[in-house]
Amino acid sequence: QGVIVEEGASVSYSVLLPGVRVERGAQVRYAILGENCRVGAE
């Protein structure tokens, strides 16, 4: 719930817990992201 994946960002084979934000151009691969994490642009 409440996960945000911005334009240009990509997420694959991953588990994103509530409130995660993946910003523009960022990439997340084979990962587990805890609640309310932020992955900055690029």
All heavy atoms as atom14 arrays in JSON, in Angstrom:
{
  "sequence": "QGVIVEEGASVSYSVLLPGVRVERGAQVRYAILGENCRVGAE",
  "atom14_mask": [
    [1, 1, 1, 1, 1, 1, 1, 1, 1, 0, 0, 0, 0, 0],
    [1, 1, 1, 1, 0, 0, 0, 0, 0, 0, 0, 0, 0, 0],
    [1, 1, 1, 1, 1, 1, 1, 0, 0, 0, 0, 0, 0, 0],
    [1, 1, 1, 1, 1, 1, 1, 1, 0, 0, 0, 0, 0, 0],
    [1, 1, 1, 1, 1, 1, 1, 0, 0, 0, 0, 0, 0, 0],
    [1, 1, 1, 1, 1, 1, 1, 1, 1, 0, 0, 0, 0, 0],
    [1, 1, 1, 1, 1, 1, 1, 1, 1, 0, 0, 0, 0, 0],
    [1, 1, 1, 1, 0, 0, 0, 0, 0, 0, 0, 0, 0, 0],
    [1, 1, 1, 1, 1, 0, 0, 0, 0, 0, 0, 0, 0, 0],
    [1, 1, 1, 1, 1, 1, 0, 0, 0, 0, 0, 0, 0, 0],
    [1, 1, 1, 1, 1, 1, 1, 0, 0, 0, 0, 0, 0, 0],
    [1, 1, 1, 1, 1, 1, 0, 0, 0, 0, 0, 0, 0, 0],
    [1, 1, 1, 1, 1, 1, 1, 1, 1, 1, 1, 1, 0, 0],
    [1, 1, 1, 1, 1, 1, 0, 0, 0, 0, 0, 0, 0, 0],
    [1, 1, 1, 1, 1, 1, 1, 0, 0, 0, 0, 0, 0, 0],
    [1, 1, 1, 1, 1, 1, 1, 1, 0, 0, 0, 0, 0, 0],
    [1, 1, 1, 1, 1, 1, 1, 1, 0, 0, 0, 0, 0, 0],
    [1, 1, 1, 1, 1, 1, 1, 0, 0, 0, 0, 0, 0, 0],
    [1, 1, 1, 1, 0, 0, 0, 0, 0, 0, 0, 0, 0, 0],
    [1, 1, 1, 1, 1, 1, 1, 0, 0, 0, 0, 0, 0, 0],
    [1, 1, 1, 1, 1, 1, 1, 1, 1, 1, 1, 0, 0, 0],
    [1, 1, 1, 1, 1, 1, 1, 0, 0, 0, 0, 0, 0, 0],
    [1, 1, 1, 1, 1, 1, 1, 1, 1, 0, 0, 0, 0, 0],
    [1, 1, 1, 1, 1, 1, 1, 1, 1, 1, 1, 0, 0, 0],
    [1, 1, 1, 1, 0, 0, 0, 0, 0, 0, 0, 0, 0, 0],
    [1, 1, 1, 1, 1, 0, 0, 0, 0, 0, 0, 0, 0, 0],
    [1, 1, 1, 1, 1, 1, 1, 1, 1, 0, 0, 0, 0, 0],
    [1, 1, 1, 1, 1, 1, 1, 0, 0, 0, 0, 0, 0, 0],
    [1, 1, 1, 1, 1, 1, 1, 1, 1, 1, 1, 0, 0, 0],
    [1, 1, 1, 1, 1, 1, 1, 1, 1, 1, 1, 1, 0, 0],
    [1, 1, 1, 1, 1, 0, 0, 0, 0, 0, 0, 0, 0, 0],
    [1, 1, 1, 1, 1, 1, 1, 1, 0, 0, 0, 0, 0, 0],
    [1, 1, 1, 1, 1, 1, 1, 1, 0, 0, 0, 0, 0, 0],
    [1, 1, 1, 1, 0, 0, 0, 0, 0, 0, 0, 0, 0, 0],
    [1, 1, 1, 1, 1, 1, 1, 1, 1, 0, 0, 0, 0, 0],
    [1, 1, 1, 1, 1, 1, 1, 1, 0, 0, 0, 0, 0, 0],
    [1, 1, 1, 1, 1, 1, 0, 0, 0, 0, 0, 0, 0, 0],
    [1, 1, 1, 1, 1, 1, 1, 1, 1, 1, 1, 0, 0, 0],
    [1, 1, 1, 1, 1, 1, 1, 0, 0, 0, 0, 0, 0, 0],
    [1, 1, 1, 1, 0, 0, 0, 0, 0, 0, 0, 0, 0, 0],
    [1, 1, 1, 1, 1, 0, 0, 0, 0, 0, 0, 0, 0, 0],
    [1, 1, 1, 1, 1, 1, 1, 1, 1, 0, 0, 0, 0, 0]
  ],
  "atom14_positions": [
    [[0.82, -1.21, 0.0], [0.0, 0.0, 0.0], [0.86, 1.26, 0.0], [1.87, 1.35, 0.7], [-0.89, -0.03, 1.24], [-2.06, 0.9, 1.2], [-3.03, 0.59, 2.32], [-2.64, 0.26, 3.43], [-4.32, 0.71, 2.06], [0.0, 0.0, 0.0], [0.0, 0.0, 0.0], [0.0, 0.0, 0.0], [0.0, 0.0, 0.0], [0.0, 0.0, 0.0]],
    [[0.47, 2.24, -0.82], [1.12, 3.55, -0.79], [2.48, 3.62, -1.43], [3.23, 4.59, -1.22], [0.0, 0.0, 0.0], [0.0, 0.0, 0.0], [0.0, 0.0, 0.0], [0.0, 0.0, 0.0], [0.0, 0.0, 0.0], [0.0, 0.0, 0.0], [0.0, 0.0, 0.0], [0.0, 0.0, 0.0], [0.0, 0.0, 0.0], [0.0, 0.0, 0.0]],
    [[2.86, 2.63, -2.23], [4.17, 2.66, -2.9], [4.1, 3.58, -4.12], [3.11, 3.59, -4.85], [4.59, 1.24, -3.33], [5.78, 1.28, -4.29], [4.94, 0.4, -2.11], [0.0, 0.0, 0.0], [0.0, 0.0, 0.0], [0.0, 0.0, 0.0], [0.0, 0.0, 0.0], [0.0, 0.0, 0.0], [0.0, 0.0, 0.0], [0.0, 0.0, 0.0]],
    [[5.16, 4.34, -4.33], [5.24, 5.26, -5.48], [6.45, 4.9, -6.33], [7.57, 4.8, -5.82], [5.34, 6.72, -5.01], [4.07, 7.12, -4.24], [5.58, 7.65, -6.19], [4.16, 8.5, -3.6], [0.0, 0.0, 0.0], [0.0, 0.0, 0.0], [0.0, 0.0, 0.0], [0.0, 0.0, 0.0], [0.0, 0.0, 0.0], [0.0, 0.0, 0.0]],
    [[6.21, 4.67, -7.61], [7.28, 4.43, -8.58], [7.18, 5.52, -9.64], [6.25, 5.54, -10.45], [7.16, 3.04, -9.23], [8.3, 2.82, -10.23], [7.18, 1.94, -8.16], [0.0, 0.0, 0.0], [0.0, 0.0, 0.0], [0.0, 0.0, 0.0], [0.0, 0.0, 0.0], [0.0, 0.0, 0.0], [0.0, 0.0, 0.0], [0.0, 0.0, 0.0]],
    [[8.12, 6.46, -9.61], [8.04, 7.62, -10.48], [8.39, 7.28, -11.93], [8.97, 6.23, -12.23], [8.96, 8.73, -9.96], [8.53, 9.28, -8.6], [9.39, 10.46, -8.16], [10.32, 10.85, -8.91], [9.12, 11.01, -7.07], [0.0, 0.0, 0.0], [0.0, 0.0, 0.0], [0.0, 0.0, 0.0], [0.0, 0.0, 0.0], [0.0, 0.0, 0.0]],
    [[8.05, 8.18, -12.83], [8.32, 8.0, -14.26], [9.82, 7.8, -14.49], [10.66, 8.5, -13.9], [7.83, 9.21, -15.05], [7.95, 9.05, -16.55], [7.33, 10.2, -17.31], [6.51, 10.94, -16.72], [7.66, 10.37, -18.5], [0.0, 0.0, 0.0], [0.0, 0.0, 0.0], [0.0, 0.0, 0.0], [0.0, 0.0, 0.0], [0.0, 0.0, 0.0]],
    [[10.16, 6.83, -15.33], [11.55, 6.55, -15.63], [12.21, 5.6, -14.64], [13.31, 5.11, -14.88], [0.0, 0.0, 0.0], [0.0, 0.0, 0.0], [0.0, 0.0, 0.0], [0.0, 0.0, 0.0], [0.0, 0.0, 0.0], [0.0, 0.0, 0.0], [0.0, 0.0, 0.0], [0.0, 0.0, 0.0], [0.0, 0.0, 0.0], [0.0, 0.0, 0.0]],
    [[11.56, 5.33, -13.51], [12.09, 4.38, -12.53], [11.66, 2.97, -12.92], [10.66, 2.78, -13.61], [11.59, 4.72, -11.13], [0.0, 0.0, 0.0], [0.0, 0.0, 0.0], [0.0, 0.0, 0.0], [0.0, 0.0, 0.0], [0.0, 0.0, 0.0], [0.0, 0.0, 0.0], [0.0, 0.0, 0.0], [0.0, 0.0, 0.0], [0.0, 0.0, 0.0]],
    [[12.42, 1.97, -12.46], [12.05, 0.58, -12.76], [12.29, -0.29, -11.54], [13.25, -0.1, -10.79], [12.85, 0.05, -13.96], [14.23, 0.01, -13.68], [0.0, 0.0, 0.0], [0.0, 0.0, 0.0], [0.0, 0.0, 0.0], [0.0, 0.0, 0.0], [0.0, 0.0, 0.0], [0.0, 0.0, 0.0], [0.0, 0.0, 0.0], [0.0, 0.0, 0.0]],
    [[11.39, -1.25, -11.36], [11.44, -2.18, -10.24], [11.24, -3.58, -10.8], [10.27, -3.82, -11.55], [10.34, -1.88, -9.2], [10.34, -2.93, -8.09], [10.52, -0.48, -8.63], [0.0, 0.0, 0.0], [0.0, 0.0, 0.0], [0.0, 0.0, 0.0], [0.0, 0.0, 0.0], [0.0, 0.0, 0.0], [0.0, 0.0, 0.0], [0.0, 0.0, 0.0]],
    [[12.12, -4.52, -10.48], [11.95, -5.88, -10.97], [12.38, -6.89, -9.9], [13.33, -6.65, -9.16], [12.73, -6.11, -12.26], [14.11, -5.92, -12.07], [0.0, 0.0, 0.0], [0.0, 0.0, 0.0], [0.0, 0.0, 0.0], [0.0, 0.0, 0.0], [0.0, 0.0, 0.0], [0.0, 0.0, 0.0], [0.0, 0.0, 0.0], [0.0, 0.0, 0.0]],
    [[11.64, -7.98, -9.82], [11.92, -9.08, -8.89], [12.19, -8.55, -7.47], [13.16, -8.94, -6.83], [13.1, -9.92, -9.39], [12.79, -10.69, -10.65], [13.1, -10.17, -11.9], [12.16, -11.93, -10.59], [12.8, -10.87, -13.07], [11.85, -12.63, -11.75], [12.17, -12.1, -12.98], [11.87, -12.79, -14.13], [0.0, 0.0, 0.0], [0.0, 0.0, 0.0]],
    [[11.31, -7.67, -7.03], [11.52, -7.04, -5.73], [10.24, -6.99, -4.92], [9.14, -7.13, -5.45], [12.08, -5.62, -5.91], [13.37, -5.66, -6.49], [0.0, 0.0, 0.0], [0.0, 0.0, 0.0], [0.0, 0.0, 0.0], [0.0, 0.0, 0.0], [0.0, 0.0, 0.0], [0.0, 0.0, 0.0], [0.0, 0.0, 0.0], [0.0, 0.0, 0.0]],
    [[10.41, -6.8, -3.61], [9.29, -6.68, -2.68], [9.4, -5.32, -2.01], [10.39, -5.04, -1.32], [9.34, -7.8, -1.62], [8.19, -7.64, -0.63], [9.31, -9.17, -2.28], [0.0, 0.0, 0.0], [0.0, 0.0, 0.0], [0.0, 0.0, 0.0], [0.0, 0.0, 0.0], [0.0, 0.0, 0.0], [0.0, 0.0, 0.0], [0.0, 0.0, 0.0]],
    [[8.41, -4.46, -2.24], [8.4, -3.11, -1.68], [7.3, -3.03, -0.63], [6.13, -3.22, -0.93], [8.17, -2.08, -2.79], [9.4, -1.63, -3.61], [10.14, -2.8, -4.22], [9.0, -0.63, -4.67], [0.0, 0.0, 0.0], [0.0, 0.0, 0.0], [0.0, 0.0, 0.0], [0.0, 0.0, 0.0], [0.0, 0.0, 0.0], [0.0, 0.0, 0.0]],
    [[7.69, -2.77, 0.6], [6.74, -2.7, 1.71], [6.07, -1.32, 1.73], [6.43, -0.42, 0.97], [7.48, -3.02, 3.01], [8.17, -4.4, 3.03], [8.69, -4.74, 4.42], [7.27, -5.52, 2.52], [0.0, 0.0, 0.0], [0.0, 0.0, 0.0], [0.0, 0.0, 0.0], [0.0, 0.0, 0.0], [0.0, 0.0, 0.0], [0.0, 0.0, 0.0]],
    [[5.06, -1.13, 2.58], [4.24, 0.1, 2.5], [5.04, 1.4, 2.55], [6.0, 1.54, 3.31], [3.32, -0.03, 3.72], [3.18, -1.5, 3.92], [4.53, -2.06, 3.58], [0.0, 0.0, 0.0], [0.0, 0.0, 0.0], [0.0, 0.0, 0.0], [0.0, 0.0, 0.0], [0.0, 0.0, 0.0], [0.0, 0.0, 0.0], [0.0, 0.0, 0.0]],
    [[4.6, 2.35, 1.72], [5.15, 3.7, 1.77], [6.47, 3.92, 1.07], [7.06, 5.0, 1.16], [0.0, 0.0, 0.0], [0.0, 0.0, 0.0], [0.0, 0.0, 0.0], [0.0, 0.0, 0.0], [0.0, 0.0, 0.0], [0.0, 0.0, 0.0], [0.0, 0.0, 0.0], [0.0, 0.0, 0.0], [0.0, 0.0, 0.0], [0.0, 0.0, 0.0]],
    [[6.98, 2.93, 0.33], [8.27, 3.08, -0.37], [8.09, 4.04, -1.55], [7.08, 4.03, -2.24], [8.78, 1.71, -0.86], [9.93, 1.89, -1.84], [9.22, 0.85, 0.32], [0.0, 0.0, 0.0], [0.0, 0.0, 0.0], [0.0, 0.0, 0.0], [0.0, 0.0, 0.0], [0.0, 0.0, 0.0], [0.0, 0.0, 0.0], [0.0, 0.0, 0.0]],
    [[9.12, 4.85, -1.79], [9.14, 5.74, -2.95], [10.41, 5.47, -3.77], [11.52, 5.52, -3.21], [9.11, 7.21, -2.52], [9.25, 8.2, -3.71], [9.31, 9.64, -3.23], [8.03, 10.11, -2.75], [7.1, 10.7, -3.49], [7.32, 10.89, -4.8], [5.97, 11.1, -2.96], [0.0, 0.0, 0.0], [0.0, 0.0, 0.0], [0.0, 0.0, 0.0]],
    [[10.22, 5.19, -5.06], [11.34, 5.0, -5.97], [11.3, 6.16, -6.96], [10.38, 6.27, -7.77], [11.25, 3.64, -6.71], [12.46, 3.45, -7.62], [11.15, 2.48, -5.71], [0.0, 0.0, 0.0], [0.0, 0.0, 0.0], [0.0, 0.0, 0.0], [0.0, 0.0, 0.0], [0.0, 0.0, 0.0], [0.0, 0.0, 0.0], [0.0, 0.0, 0.0]],
    [[12.3, 7.03, -6.88], [12.25, 8.28, -7.64], [12.71, 8.12, -9.08], [13.25, 7.08, -9.48], [13.06, 9.35, -6.91], [12.46, 9.7, -5.55], [13.19, 10.83, -4.85], [14.3, 11.19, -5.29], [12.64, 11.36, -3.86], [0.0, 0.0, 0.0], [0.0, 0.0, 0.0], [0.0, 0.0, 0.0], [0.0, 0.0, 0.0], [0.0, 0.0, 0.0]],
    [[12.5, 9.16, -9.84], [12.74, 9.2, -11.28], [14.12, 8.63, -11.65], [15.15, 9.04, -11.1], [12.62, 10.63, -11.76], [12.71, 10.83, -13.28], [12.57, 12.31, -13.62], [11.26, 12.81, -13.17], [10.17, 12.81, -13.94], [10.24, 12.36, -15.18], [9.03, 13.3, -13.47], [0.0, 0.0, 0.0], [0.0, 0.0, 0.0], [0.0, 0.0, 0.0]],
    [[14.12, 7.67, -12.58], [15.37, 7.12, -13.1], [16.05, 6.09, -12.22], [17.07, 5.51, -12.61], [0.0, 0.0, 0.0], [0.0, 0.0, 0.0], [0.0, 0.0, 0.0], [0.0, 0.0, 0.0], [0.0, 0.0, 0.0], [0.0, 0.0, 0.0], [0.0, 0.0, 0.0], [0.0, 0.0, 0.0], [0.0, 0.0, 0.0], [0.0, 0.0, 0.0]],
    [[15.52, 5.84, -11.02], [16.14, 4.85, -10.13], [15.81, 3.43, -10.6], [14.81, 3.19, -11.27], [15.65, 5.06, -8.7], [0.0, 0.0, 0.0], [0.0, 0.0, 0.0], [0.0, 0.0, 0.0], [0.0, 0.0, 0.0], [0.0, 0.0, 0.0], [0.0, 0.0, 0.0], [0.0, 0.0, 0.0], [0.0, 0.0, 0.0], [0.0, 0.0, 0.0]],
    [[16.67, 2.49, -10.22], [16.45, 1.08, -10.54], [16.55, 0.24, -9.28], [17.48, 0.41, -8.49], [17.49, 0.59, -11.56], [17.38, 1.23, -12.93], [18.4, 0.66, -13.9], [19.14, -0.27, -13.59], [18.46, 1.24, -15.09], [0.0, 0.0, 0.0], [0.0, 0.0, 0.0], [0.0, 0.0, 0.0], [0.0, 0.0, 0.0], [0.0, 0.0, 0.0]],
    [[15.58, -0.67, -9.12], [15.57, -1.6, -7.98], [15.47, -3.01, -8.55], [14.53, -3.31, -9.29], [14.39, -1.31, -7.03], [14.37, -2.34, -5.9], [14.48, 0.1, -6.47], [0.0, 0.0, 0.0], [0.0, 0.0, 0.0], [0.0, 0.0, 0.0], [0.0, 0.0, 0.0], [0.0, 0.0, 0.0], [0.0, 0.0, 0.0], [0.0, 0.0, 0.0]],
    [[16.45, -3.86, -8.23], [16.5, -5.21, -8.77], [16.72, -6.21, -7.63], [17.63, -6.03, -6.83], [17.66, -5.36, -9.76], [17.66, -4.41, -10.93], [16.68, -4.88, -12.0], [16.74, -4.03, -13.18], [15.99, -2.95, -13.36], [15.14, -2.59, -12.41], [16.07, -2.22, -14.45], [0.0, 0.0, 0.0], [0.0, 0.0, 0.0], [0.0, 0.0, 0.0]],
    [[15.92, -7.25, -7.58], [16.11, -8.33, -6.61], [16.4, -7.75, -5.22], [17.5, -7.91, -4.67], [17.26, -9.24, -7.06], [16.9, -10.1, -8.25], [17.06, -9.62, -9.55], [16.4, -11.39, -8.08], [16.71, -10.4, -10.65], [16.05, -12.18, -9.18], [16.22, -11.68, -10.46], [15.89, -12.45, -11.55], [0.0, 0.0, 0.0], [0.0, 0.0, 0.0]],
    [[15.39, -7.11, -4.68], [15.57, -6.41, -3.4], [14.33, -6.51, -2.54], [13.22, -6.8, -3.02], [15.91, -4.94, -3.65], [0.0, 0.0, 0.0], [0.0, 0.0, 0.0], [0.0, 0.0, 0.0], [0.0, 0.0, 0.0], [0.0, 0.0, 0.0], [0.0, 0.0, 0.0], [0.0, 0.0, 0.0], [0.0, 0.0, 0.0], [0.0, 0.0, 0.0]],
    [[14.52, -6.27, -1.25], [13.41, -6.08, -0.3], [13.61, -4.71, 0.3], [14.65, -4.43, 0.91], [13.39, -7.14, 0.8], [13.29, -8.55, 0.22], [12.23, -6.87, 1.76], [13.35, -9.65, 1.28], [0.0, 0.0, 0.0], [0.0, 0.0, 0.0], [0.0, 0.0, 0.0], [0.0, 0.0, 0.0], [0.0, 0.0, 0.0], [0.0, 0.0, 0.0]],
    [[12.61, -3.83, 0.14], [12.68, -2.47, 0.67], [11.68, -2.32, 1.81], [10.49, -2.53, 1.62], [12.39, -1.45, -0.44], [13.56, -1.03, -1.33], [14.27, -2.22, -1.96], [13.09, -0.06, -2.41], [0.0, 0.0, 0.0], [0.0, 0.0, 0.0], [0.0, 0.0, 0.0], [0.0, 0.0, 0.0], [0.0, 0.0, 0.0], [0.0, 0.0, 0.0]],
    [[12.2, -1.99, 3.0], [11.36, -1.84, 4.18], [10.42, -0.65, 4.09], [10.52, 0.19, 3.19], [0.0, 0.0, 0.0], [0.0, 0.0, 0.0], [0.0, 0.0, 0.0], [0.0, 0.0, 0.0], [0.0, 0.0, 0.0], [0.0, 0.0, 0.0], [0.0, 0.0, 0.0], [0.0, 0.0, 0.0], [0.0, 0.0, 0.0], [0.0, 0.0, 0.0]],
    [[9.51, -0.56, 5.03], [8.48, 0.48, 5.02], [9.09, 1.89, 4.97], [10.08, 2.19, 5.66], [7.58, 0.35, 6.25], [6.77, -0.94, 6.26], [5.78, -0.98, 7.4], [4.87, -0.13, 7.44], [5.91, -1.88, 8.26], [0.0, 0.0, 0.0], [0.0, 0.0, 0.0], [0.0, 0.0, 0.0], [0.0, 0.0, 0.0], [0.0, 0.0, 0.0]],
    [[8.48, 2.73, 4.14], [8.81, 4.16, 4.04], [10.25, 4.44, 3.61], [10.82, 5.48, 3.93], [8.53, 4.86, 5.38], [7.08, 4.74, 5.78], [6.18, 4.94, 4.96], [6.83, 4.38, 7.02], [0.0, 0.0, 0.0], [0.0, 0.0, 0.0], [0.0, 0.0, 0.0], [0.0, 0.0, 0.0], [0.0, 0.0, 0.0], [0.0, 0.0, 0.0]],
    [[10.85, 3.51, 2.86], [12.16, 3.78, 2.27], [12.01, 4.77, 1.11], [10.96, 4.88, 0.48], [12.77, 2.49, 1.7], [13.44, 1.39, 2.93], [0.0, 0.0, 0.0], [0.0, 0.0, 0.0], [0.0, 0.0, 0.0], [0.0, 0.0, 0.0], [0.0, 0.0, 0.0], [0.0, 0.0, 0.0], [0.0, 0.0, 0.0], [0.0, 0.0, 0.0]],
    [[13.12, 5.46, 0.83], [13.17, 6.31, -0.37], [14.42, 5.95, -1.15], [15.53, 5.91, -0.59], [13.21, 7.79, -0.01], [13.21, 8.71, -1.26], [13.35, 10.17, -0.85], [14.72, 10.49, -0.43], [15.64, 11.04, -1.23], [15.35, 11.33, -2.48], [16.84, 11.34, -0.74], [0.0, 0.0, 0.0], [0.0, 0.0, 0.0], [0.0, 0.0, 0.0]],
    [[14.23, 5.67, -2.43], [15.37, 5.43, -3.33], [15.46, 6.66, -4.23], [14.57, 6.91, -5.06], [15.17, 4.15, -4.16], [16.34, 3.95, -5.1], [15.02, 2.94, -3.23], [0.0, 0.0, 0.0], [0.0, 0.0, 0.0], [0.0, 0.0, 0.0], [0.0, 0.0, 0.0], [0.0, 0.0, 0.0], [0.0, 0.0, 0.0], [0.0, 0.0, 0.0]],
    [[16.52, 7.45, -4.06], [16.65, 8.71, -4.76], [16.81, 8.57, -6.26], [17.11, 7.49, -6.79], [0.0, 0.0, 0.0], [0.0, 0.0, 0.0], [0.0, 0.0, 0.0], [0.0, 0.0, 0.0], [0.0, 0.0, 0.0], [0.0, 0.0, 0.0], [0.0, 0.0, 0.0], [0.0, 0.0, 0.0], [0.0, 0.0, 0.0], [0.0, 0.0, 0.0]],
    [[16.61, 9.67, -6.95], [16.69, 9.7, -8.41], [18.02, 9.11, -8.9], [19.09, 9.41, -8.34], [16.52, 11.13, -8.91], [0.0, 0.0, 0.0], [0.0, 0.0, 0.0], [0.0, 0.0, 0.0], [0.0, 0.0, 0.0], [0.0, 0.0, 0.0], [0.0, 0.0, 0.0], [0.0, 0.0, 0.0], [0.0, 0.0, 0.0], [0.0, 0.0, 0.0]],
    [[17.92, 8.27, -9.93], [19.08, 7.66, -10.61], [19.89, 6.72, -9.71], [20.96, 6.26, -10.1], [20.02, 8.74, -11.18], [19.35, 9.73, -12.13], [18.79, 9.06, -13.37], [19.32, 8.02, -13.78], [17.81, 9.61, -13.94], [0.0, 0.0, 0.0], [0.0, 0.0, 0.0], [0.0, 0.0, 0.0], [0.0, 0.0, 0.0], [0.0, 0.0, 0.0]]
  ]
}
